[in-house]
């Protein structure tokens, strides 16, 4: 039996399982309670039921999403725009975390996704060359380039920012996903990709970068309020594709 902190619910009681599922899926548990609950399930090892495995998988996904959103939010409270990424291969619960990056000058470093396939006009490139997403997207690409794609069947990427991606970075995200599709095609495999762009500042439709019009975030992103007392919120835009299924992804 694994009890849910702050409640009388436990995973062995079939009558409690629907309520537990709702607590997790509706983001109703505070971070620490969710963490303690999931640790209790994970500690069961071979005694874990199929129901508990499902709750663990869903809860772990939600907890790392919350954790990364909170980190970039807390950093931004002290100044700057921040971003980090996390890559999950197959059934990994915690994934591989990238470095935490701040939008800042980097001496003109030419990151791989600065202007992929020359898709942007130079003024837009110049206005966004210091964006925090650039080194994070490159590290995500490097992590996945190093994987044995013949052993992959699912990839999940979580990109977390204190500000939603600008219009140029949205294009860079699409370029990364297209590159991953090319990797799957080259290895003759089909891999389910889930890509989440999560950010802690509400969508900005009419913004500017160095005088160039842009937006930050996605108009159709879904808001998540994290308890207790809605201590912080973040917005999520999710893309899902089958990599290696066609020469080009349909965005």
Protein backbone atom coordinates (compact mmCIF):
# COMPACT_ATOMS: atom_id res chain seq x y z
CA UNK A 1 0.00 0.00 0.00
CA UNK A 2 1.18 3.53 -0.82
CA UNK A 3 -0.72 6.36 0.82
CA UNK A 4 -1.30 9.78 -0.71
CA UNK A 5 0.06 12.46 1.67
CA UNK A 6 -2.62 14.61 3.23
CA UNK A 7 -5.39 12.12 2.45
CA UNK A 8 -6.71 8.75 3.59
CA UNK A 9 -6.32 7.32 0.10
CA UNK A 10 -4.02 4.42 -0.74
CA UNK A 11 -3.15 2.64 -3.96
CA UNK A 12 -4.14 -0.84 -2.73
CA UNK A 13 -7.75 0.20 -2.19
CA UNK A 14 -9.50 -0.23 -5.53
CA UNK A 15 -12.20 2.17 -4.37
CA UNK A 16 -9.57 4.90 -3.96
CA UNK A 17 -7.91 4.53 -7.34
CA UNK A 18 -10.21 6.82 -9.33
CA UNK A 19 -9.78 9.58 -6.73
CA UNK A 20 -6.00 9.15 -6.77
CA UNK A 21 -5.91 9.30 -10.55
CA UNK A 22 -7.93 12.52 -10.46
CA UNK A 23 -5.66 14.11 -7.85
CA UNK A 24 -2.64 13.45 -10.05
CA UNK A 25 -4.16 14.26 -13.43
CA UNK A 26 -5.81 17.47 -12.20
CA UNK A 27 -2.54 18.73 -10.65
CA UNK A 28 -4.24 18.82 -7.23
CA UNK A 29 -1.26 17.64 -5.14
CA UNK A 30 1.41 20.12 -3.98
CA UNK A 31 4.87 19.44 -5.39
CA UNK A 32 6.31 17.89 -2.25
CA UNK A 33 3.27 15.64 -1.62
CA UNK A 34 3.37 14.43 -5.22
CA UNK A 35 7.11 13.77 -4.92
CA UNK A 36 6.72 11.78 -1.67
CA UNK A 37 3.83 9.78 -3.14
CA UNK A 38 5.77 8.87 -6.29
CA UNK A 39 8.86 7.95 -4.27
CA UNK A 40 6.70 5.58 -2.24
CA UNK A 41 5.48 3.84 -5.40
CA UNK A 42 8.97 3.65 -6.90
CA UNK A 43 10.29 2.07 -3.68
CA UNK A 44 8.02 -0.94 -4.18
CA UNK A 45 10.15 -2.13 -7.11
CA UNK A 46 8.96 -5.65 -7.98
CA UNK A 47 5.78 -5.33 -5.90
CA UNK A 48 4.40 -2.48 -7.99
CA UNK A 49 0.95 -3.08 -9.48
CA UNK A 50 0.02 -2.16 -13.05
CA UNK A 51 -2.16 0.63 -11.65
CA UNK A 52 0.72 2.00 -9.59
CA UNK A 53 3.04 1.85 -12.61
CA UNK A 54 0.59 3.95 -14.59
CA UNK A 55 0.24 6.50 -11.79
CA UNK A 56 4.03 6.63 -11.42
CA UNK A 57 4.55 7.27 -15.13
CA UNK A 58 1.94 10.03 -15.30
CA UNK A 59 2.91 11.59 -11.99
CA UNK A 60 6.64 11.63 -12.81
CA UNK A 61 5.91 13.36 -16.12
CA UNK A 62 3.89 16.02 -14.33
CA UNK A 63 6.43 16.48 -11.54
CA UNK A 64 9.44 17.09 -13.80
CA UNK A 65 7.37 19.50 -15.92
CA UNK A 66 6.48 21.43 -12.75
CA UNK A 67 10.05 21.31 -11.45
CA UNK A 68 11.58 22.76 -14.61
CA UNK A 69 8.89 25.44 -14.89
CA UNK A 70 9.46 26.48 -11.28
CA UNK A 71 13.24 26.65 -11.75
CA UNK A 72 13.10 29.00 -14.74
CA UNK A 73 10.41 31.07 -13.02
CA UNK A 74 12.47 31.46 -9.87
CA UNK A 75 15.58 32.41 -11.83
CA UNK A 76 13.65 35.01 -13.81
CA UNK A 77 12.38 36.55 -10.57
CA UNK A 78 15.98 37.67 -10.00
CA UNK A 79 16.34 39.01 -13.55
CA UNK A 80 16.77 37.79 -17.10
CA UNK A 81 15.05 35.28 -19.38
CA UNK A 82 15.85 31.61 -18.70
CA UNK A 83 15.45 28.27 -20.46
CA UNK A 84 16.28 24.62 -19.94
CA UNK A 85 15.42 21.35 -21.64
CA UNK A 86 14.86 17.73 -20.72
CA UNK A 87 14.97 14.69 -23.01
CA UNK A 88 13.23 11.38 -22.29
CA UNK A 89 14.07 8.28 -24.31
CA UNK A 90 11.56 5.42 -24.29
CA UNK A 91 10.33 4.80 -20.71
CA UNK A 92 12.75 7.02 -18.77
CA UNK A 93 11.09 8.70 -15.77
CA UNK A 94 13.49 11.60 -15.25
CA UNK A 95 15.25 11.99 -18.59
CA UNK A 96 18.44 13.92 -19.38
CA UNK A 97 18.54 17.55 -18.29
CA UNK A 98 20.30 20.27 -20.28
CA UNK A 99 22.16 23.18 -18.76
CA UNK A 100 20.09 26.08 -17.44
CA UNK A 101 20.65 28.99 -19.84
CA UNK A 102 20.09 32.73 -19.62
CA UNK A 103 19.46 35.00 -22.60
CA UNK A 104 22.71 36.93 -22.84
CA UNK A 105 25.46 37.90 -25.27
CA UNK A 106 27.75 35.00 -26.15
CA UNK A 107 30.35 36.70 -28.34
CA UNK A 108 28.57 35.94 -31.61
CA UNK A 109 28.66 32.15 -31.09
CA UNK A 110 27.11 30.38 -34.07
CA UNK A 111 24.68 27.88 -32.57
CA UNK A 112 23.31 25.21 -34.87
CA UNK A 113 19.78 26.64 -34.77
CA UNK A 114 20.73 30.29 -35.11
CA UNK A 115 19.44 30.34 -38.69
CA UNK A 116 18.74 26.78 -39.85
CA UNK A 117 18.54 26.45 -43.63
CA UNK A 118 18.70 30.26 -43.82
CA UNK A 119 15.01 30.41 -42.97
CA UNK A 120 15.15 33.86 -41.33
CA UNK A 121 16.04 37.31 -42.63
CA UNK A 122 19.25 38.70 -41.14
CA UNK A 123 17.59 41.41 -38.99
CA UNK A 124 15.56 38.71 -37.22
CA UNK A 125 18.66 36.58 -36.73
CA UNK A 126 20.54 39.52 -35.26
CA UNK A 127 17.66 40.41 -32.94
CA UNK A 128 17.44 36.86 -31.53
CA UNK A 129 21.03 35.58 -31.54
CA UNK A 130 21.23 35.84 -27.72
CA UNK A 131 18.01 33.95 -27.01
CA UNK A 132 18.26 31.37 -24.24
CA UNK A 133 16.62 28.71 -26.41
CA UNK A 134 19.59 28.54 -28.79
CA UNK A 135 22.09 26.61 -26.62
CA UNK A 136 19.27 24.50 -25.16
CA UNK A 137 17.98 23.38 -28.56
CA UNK A 138 21.53 22.57 -29.62
CA UNK A 139 22.13 20.47 -26.50
CA UNK A 140 18.84 18.63 -27.02
CA UNK A 141 19.92 17.85 -30.57
CA UNK A 142 23.31 16.62 -29.36
CA UNK A 143 21.70 14.36 -26.74
CA UNK A 144 19.48 12.71 -29.33
CA UNK A 145 22.18 12.52 -32.00
CA UNK A 146 24.13 10.40 -29.53
CA UNK A 147 21.30 7.89 -29.08
CA UNK A 148 21.05 4.55 -30.85
CA UNK A 149 17.95 5.29 -32.87
CA UNK A 150 17.45 1.62 -33.67
CA UNK A 151 16.57 1.18 -29.98
CA UNK A 152 14.18 4.13 -29.75
CA UNK A 153 10.41 3.93 -29.96
CA UNK A 154 9.43 7.08 -28.05
CA UNK A 155 11.06 10.46 -27.40
CA UNK A 156 9.67 13.19 -25.20
CA UNK A 157 11.22 16.66 -25.08
CA UNK A 158 10.29 19.28 -22.50
CA UNK A 159 11.50 22.82 -23.23
CA UNK A 160 10.90 25.12 -20.26
CA UNK A 161 11.26 28.89 -20.40
CA UNK A 162 10.47 31.85 -18.21
CA UNK A 163 9.12 33.45 -21.39
CA UNK A 164 7.41 31.76 -24.31
CA UNK A 165 9.47 31.28 -27.49
CA UNK A 166 9.45 34.22 -29.88
CA UNK A 167 8.38 33.73 -33.49
CA UNK A 168 11.95 33.03 -34.60
CA UNK A 169 12.50 30.45 -31.85
CA UNK A 170 9.23 28.77 -32.83
CA UNK A 171 10.80 28.27 -36.24
CA UNK A 172 13.96 26.95 -34.61
CA UNK A 173 11.88 24.44 -32.65
CA UNK A 174 10.27 23.27 -35.89
CA UNK A 175 13.73 22.95 -37.46
CA UNK A 176 14.87 20.74 -34.56
CA UNK A 177 11.85 18.49 -34.94
CA UNK A 178 12.50 18.25 -38.68
CA UNK A 179 16.11 17.24 -37.96
CA UNK A 180 14.86 14.52 -35.60
CA UNK A 181 12.56 13.28 -38.35
CA UNK A 182 15.58 13.06 -40.65
CA UNK A 183 17.44 10.99 -38.03
CA UNK A 184 14.53 8.55 -37.83
CA UNK A 185 14.35 8.29 -41.62
CA UNK A 186 18.11 7.69 -41.85
CA UNK A 187 17.82 4.85 -39.33
CA UNK A 188 14.68 3.38 -40.93
CA UNK A 189 12.66 3.59 -37.70
CA UNK A 190 9.42 5.18 -36.62
CA UNK A 191 9.51 6.97 -33.26
CA UNK A 192 6.72 8.77 -31.43
CA UNK A 193 7.78 12.32 -30.58
CA UNK A 194 6.10 14.44 -27.92
CA UNK A 195 7.51 17.96 -27.73
CA UNK A 196 6.33 20.34 -25.01
CA UNK A 197 7.10 24.05 -24.93
CA UNK A 198 6.31 25.15 -21.37
CA UNK A 199 6.71 28.70 -20.12
CA UNK A 200 5.80 30.80 -17.09
CA UNK A 201 4.80 34.13 -18.67
CA UNK A 202 1.41 34.50 -20.30
CA UNK A 203 1.23 34.71 -24.13
CA UNK A 204 2.27 38.08 -25.54
CA UNK A 205 0.68 38.65 -28.93
CA UNK A 206 2.10 42.10 -29.69
CA UNK A 207 5.70 42.33 -28.58
CA UNK A 208 8.98 43.42 -30.14
CA UNK A 209 12.62 42.34 -30.20
CA UNK A 210 14.96 45.21 -30.98
CA UNK A 211 12.15 46.96 -32.85
CA UNK A 212 11.04 43.85 -34.80
CA UNK A 213 7.45 42.70 -34.20
CA UNK A 214 7.03 39.25 -32.64
CA UNK A 215 4.92 37.26 -30.20
CA UNK A 216 6.05 35.25 -27.19
CA UNK A 217 4.42 31.90 -26.57
CA UNK A 218 1.44 30.27 -28.29
CA UNK A 219 -2.12 31.60 -28.43
CA UNK A 220 -3.56 28.09 -27.93
CA UNK A 221 -1.29 27.04 -25.05
CA UNK A 222 -2.92 25.31 -22.07
CA UNK A 223 -2.54 26.87 -18.61
CA UNK A 224 -1.61 24.79 -15.55
CA UNK A 225 -2.00 26.18 -12.03
CA UNK A 226 0.15 24.43 -9.44
CA UNK A 227 -1.13 24.09 -5.86
CA UNK A 228 -1.24 24.86 -3.02
CA UNK A 229 -3.10 28.11 -3.47
CA UNK A 230 -2.01 28.36 -7.14
CA UNK A 231 1.56 29.14 -6.13
CA UNK A 232 2.67 29.42 -9.75
CA UNK A 233 1.34 28.85 -13.25
CA UNK A 234 2.75 27.82 -16.59
CA UNK A 235 1.49 27.45 -20.13
CA UNK A 236 2.08 24.45 -22.41
CA UNK A 237 2.03 23.90 -26.14
CA UNK A 238 2.42 20.25 -27.16
CA UNK A 239 3.35 18.79 -30.54
CA UNK A 240 3.08 15.10 -31.36
CA UNK A 241 4.42 13.39 -34.47
CA UNK A 242 5.53 10.00 -35.67
CA UNK A 243 9.14 10.54 -36.71
CA UNK A 244 10.32 8.57 -39.73
CA UNK A 245 6.83 8.17 -41.15
CA UNK A 246 7.16 10.73 -43.96
CA UNK A 247 9.90 12.85 -45.54
CA UNK A 248 8.53 16.02 -43.94
CA UNK A 249 6.53 16.83 -40.80
CA UNK A 250 3.27 18.72 -41.20
CA UNK A 251 3.27 21.73 -38.86
